Amino acid sequence: MLAVYYIIIGWIAKIIFGPPSIEKVTSIMMWGDLKLAHRFFRDKSVRALLDFEKLEQMEQDRIFNELVITNLLLSVLMLDTVAELTSGSKRDFCRDVSETLFYAYPRELARMGIDEEHVDLWNKLMKMRYDEYREDERRWKKRPDPRMQNPWRTVLAVGGLDHLRRGKTSPEDPLFPKMIEWLAESAMQTESILIRATRRL
């Protein structure tokens, strides 16, 4: 009965608002990811665990950039997974949003007047991290955990923490559960945006 309700809601939304816009959905996801990354970056308990106030400005900026990349790539990789597991218009829509989102933030930086060299560095870093997390996920698949409904949350929490700590971390790192909690919220946000959008396909 609940499934029928959601189908009807989707039809009504499609009639009123039309099909979902790839650009609009991408923009909502990007700014949502940036907001969550910034909130995590400003969290006092997170900063305490990073000894943030003792860090040079360049290192503080690097940490923020890693958080942004981690959050954006969580959305991209979730979209890729949905595309791989579905077909038809939903698959195509998820692929298009994923591809657009991948370059959305560097494009926004360019629009804001950031020089081309730094924008190119962002694109290269996004690609490097994407390939890295894809490879990490393949290794996770070899030891599946039935509790892991969204493997990307764990993969990016582990990888993201490693980059934040410059490789100096451990399984007992107190920042790890905070990363998991933050990325769980981000995953829920991405899923919610995607569900609302795909109802109108």
Protein backbone atom coordinates (compact mmCIF):
# COMPACT_ATOMS: atom_id res chain seq x y z
CA MET A 1 0.00 0.00 0.00
CA LEU A 2 2.83 2.39 0.90
CA ALA A 3 4.56 1.67 -2.45
CA VAL A 4 1.37 2.62 -4.33
CA TYR A 5 1.21 5.87 -2.34
CA TYR A 6 4.75 6.81 -3.38
CA ILE A 7 4.04 5.95 -7.01
CA ILE A 8 0.99 8.23 -6.98
CA ILE A 9 2.99 11.03 -5.30
CA GLY A 10 5.65 10.62 -8.00
CA TRP A 11 3.07 10.89 -10.78
CA ILE A 12 1.55 14.01 -9.24
CA ALA A 13 4.99 15.62 -8.82
CA LYS A 14 5.90 14.80 -12.42
CA ILE A 15 2.67 16.36 -13.70
CA ILE A 16 3.13 19.52 -11.61
CA PHE A 17 6.90 20.02 -11.80
CA GLY A 18 7.89 17.97 -14.86
CA PRO A 19 10.81 15.52 -15.00
CA PRO A 20 13.79 16.16 -12.70
CA SER A 21 16.54 18.47 -13.92
CA ILE A 22 20.03 16.95 -13.87
CA GLU A 23 21.56 20.38 -13.26
CA LYS A 24 19.17 21.23 -10.41
CA VAL A 25 19.59 17.88 -8.65
CA THR A 26 23.37 18.14 -9.04
CA SER A 27 23.37 21.63 -7.55
CA ILE A 28 21.24 20.55 -4.58
CA MET A 29 23.56 17.60 -3.92
CA MET A 30 26.74 19.65 -4.27
CA TRP A 31 25.66 22.44 -1.93
CA GLY A 32 24.25 19.91 0.52
CA ASP A 33 27.57 18.05 0.56
CA LEU A 34 29.51 21.29 1.00
CA LYS A 35 27.28 22.33 3.90
CA LEU A 36 27.82 19.04 5.72
CA ALA A 37 31.56 19.10 5.06
CA HIS A 38 31.81 22.64 6.41
CA ARG A 39 29.77 21.76 9.51
CA PHE A 40 32.04 18.79 10.23
CA PHE A 41 35.09 20.98 9.62
CA ARG A 42 33.80 23.53 12.17
CA ASP A 43 32.89 20.90 14.78
CA LYS A 44 34.83 21.66 17.98
CA SER A 45 35.25 18.01 18.97
CA VAL A 46 36.62 17.17 15.51
CA ARG A 47 39.05 20.08 15.67
CA ALA A 48 40.21 18.99 19.11
CA LEU A 49 41.00 15.49 17.79
CA LEU A 50 42.97 17.04 14.93
CA ASP A 51 44.85 19.53 17.15
CA PHE A 52 43.47 21.97 14.64
CA GLU A 53 44.57 25.23 16.28
CA LYS A 54 48.20 24.08 16.21
CA LEU A 55 48.16 23.48 12.45
CA GLU A 56 49.46 25.88 9.81
CA GLN A 57 46.87 27.58 7.61
CA MET A 58 47.88 25.50 4.59
CA GLU A 59 47.30 22.27 6.53
CA GLN A 60 43.93 23.52 7.77
CA ASP A 61 42.94 24.26 4.17
CA ARG A 62 44.11 20.80 3.10
CA ILE A 63 41.89 19.19 5.73
CA PHE A 64 38.86 21.14 4.53
CA ASN A 65 39.57 20.14 0.93
CA GLU A 66 39.83 16.47 1.91
CA LEU A 67 36.47 16.68 3.70
CA VAL A 68 34.82 18.26 0.66
CA ILE A 69 36.25 15.63 -1.67
CA THR A 70 35.23 12.80 0.66
CA ASN A 71 31.65 14.04 0.88
CA LEU A 72 31.27 14.74 -2.83
CA LEU A 73 32.71 11.36 -3.77
CA LEU A 74 30.35 9.58 -1.38
CA SER A 75 27.45 11.00 -3.41
CA VAL A 76 29.14 10.23 -6.74
CA LEU A 77 29.91 6.63 -5.78
CA MET A 78 26.42 6.06 -4.39
CA LEU A 79 24.97 7.34 -7.67
CA ASP A 80 27.29 5.05 -9.63
CA THR A 81 26.14 2.07 -7.56
CA VAL A 82 22.45 2.85 -8.12
CA ALA A 83 23.16 3.16 -11.86
CA GLU A 84 24.89 -0.22 -11.85
CA LEU A 85 21.98 -1.90 -10.05
CA THR A 86 19.10 -0.38 -12.04
CA SER A 87 18.07 0.04 -15.66
CA GLY A 88 16.23 2.36 -17.99
CA SER A 89 15.60 6.02 -17.16
CA LYS A 90 16.71 5.69 -13.53
CA ARG A 91 20.07 4.23 -14.54
CA ASP A 92 20.62 6.96 -17.14
CA PHE A 93 19.58 9.71 -14.74
CA CYS A 94 21.93 8.50 -11.99
CA ARG A 95 24.82 8.24 -14.44
CA ASP A 96 24.22 11.76 -15.72
CA VAL A 97 23.96 13.25 -12.22
CA SER A 98 27.10 11.38 -11.12
CA GLU A 99 29.13 12.66 -14.07
CA THR A 100 27.86 16.21 -13.61
CA LEU A 101 28.43 16.18 -9.85
CA PHE A 102 32.00 14.92 -10.27
CA TYR A 103 32.99 18.18 -11.99
CA ALA A 104 30.45 20.50 -10.33
CA TYR A 105 32.66 21.86 -7.54
CA PRO A 106 35.73 22.54 -9.73
CA ARG A 107 33.39 24.34 -12.14
CA GLU A 108 32.00 26.38 -9.26
CA LEU A 109 35.56 27.28 -8.24
CA ALA A 110 36.28 28.43 -11.79
CA ARG A 111 33.07 30.49 -11.80
CA MET A 112 34.22 32.14 -8.56
CA GLY A 113 37.45 33.23 -10.26
CA ILE A 114 39.86 30.61 -8.89
CA ASP A 115 42.80 30.28 -11.28
CA GLU A 116 42.82 27.47 -13.82
CA GLU A 117 45.86 25.77 -12.31
CA HIS A 118 44.09 25.19 -8.97
CA VAL A 119 40.90 24.05 -10.72
CA ASP A 120 42.95 21.51 -12.70
CA LEU A 121 44.52 20.29 -9.46
CA TRP A 122 41.05 19.79 -8.00
CA ASN A 123 39.98 17.74 -11.03
CA LYS A 124 43.11 15.58 -10.77
CA LEU A 125 42.67 15.06 -7.03
CA MET A 126 39.01 14.11 -7.47
CA LYS A 127 39.99 11.54 -10.12
CA MET A 128 42.83 10.18 -7.99
CA ARG A 129 40.61 9.78 -4.91
CA TYR A 130 37.80 8.27 -7.00
CA ASP A 131 40.09 5.58 -8.41
CA GLU A 132 41.55 4.94 -4.96
CA TYR A 133 38.14 4.47 -3.30
CA ARG A 134 36.95 2.25 -6.16
CA GLU A 135 39.95 0.00 -5.56
CA ASP A 136 39.35 0.05 -1.79
CA GLU A 137 35.74 -1.01 -2.37
CA ARG A 138 36.85 -3.94 -4.51
CA ARG A 139 39.01 -5.11 -1.60
CA TRP A 140 36.10 -4.72 0.83
CA LYS A 141 33.95 -6.95 -1.41
CA LYS A 142 36.36 -9.84 -0.79
CA ARG A 143 35.36 -9.82 2.89
CA PRO A 144 31.66 -8.86 2.84
CA ASP A 145 29.97 -7.71 6.03
CA PRO A 146 26.18 -8.34 6.13
CA ARG A 147 25.78 -5.32 8.43
CA MET A 148 27.17 -3.01 5.76
CA GLN A 149 24.16 -1.71 3.84
CA ASN A 150 26.18 1.11 2.31
CA PRO A 151 29.83 0.03 1.90
CA TRP A 152 30.81 3.46 0.57
CA ARG A 153 30.23 5.03 3.98
CA THR A 154 32.84 2.76 5.55
CA VAL A 155 35.24 2.84 2.59
CA LEU A 156 35.30 6.64 2.54
CA ALA A 157 35.45 6.92 6.33
CA VAL A 158 38.57 4.72 6.37
CA GLY A 159 40.17 6.36 3.33
CA GLY A 160 39.16 9.88 4.30
CA LEU A 161 40.53 9.47 7.81
CA ASP A 162 43.79 8.13 6.41
CA HIS A 163 44.16 11.27 4.29
CA LEU A 164 43.22 13.59 7.15
CA ARG A 165 45.87 11.95 9.34
CA ARG A 166 48.41 11.66 6.49
CA GLY A 167 48.51 7.91 7.02
CA LYS A 168 49.14 8.14 10.78
CA THR A 169 46.01 6.48 12.15
CA SER A 170 44.81 3.25 13.70
CA PRO A 171 41.57 1.23 14.09
CA GLU A 172 41.13 2.80 17.54
CA ASP A 173 41.34 6.37 16.24
CA PRO A 174 38.58 8.33 18.06
CA LEU A 175 37.96 10.38 14.92
CA PHE A 176 36.81 7.28 13.00
CA PRO A 177 33.33 6.95 14.61
CA LYS A 178 32.79 10.65 14.01
CA MET A 179 33.64 10.13 10.32
CA ILE A 180 31.17 7.24 10.17
CA GLU A 181 28.42 9.32 11.78
CA TRP A 182 29.08 12.29 9.48
CA LEU A 183 29.10 10.17 6.31
CA ALA A 184 25.98 8.30 7.43
CA GLU A 185 24.15 11.64 7.55
CA SER A 186 25.59 12.59 4.18
CA ALA A 187 24.49 9.25 2.68
CA MET A 188 20.96 9.77 3.99
CA GLN A 189 20.90 13.25 2.46
CA THR A 190 22.03 11.96 -0.94
CA GLU A 191 19.53 9.10 -0.82
CA SER A 192 16.69 11.46 0.08
CA ILE A 193 17.48 13.84 -2.79
CA LEU A 194 17.74 10.94 -5.22
CA ILE A 195 14.47 9.33 -4.13
CA ARG A 196 12.58 12.62 -4.52
CA ALA A 197 14.09 13.19 -7.95
CA THR A 198 13.62 9.69 -9.39
CA ARG A 199 9.96 9.57 -8.41
CA ARG A 200 9.40 12.06 -11.23
CA LEU A 201 11.12 10.01 -13.96
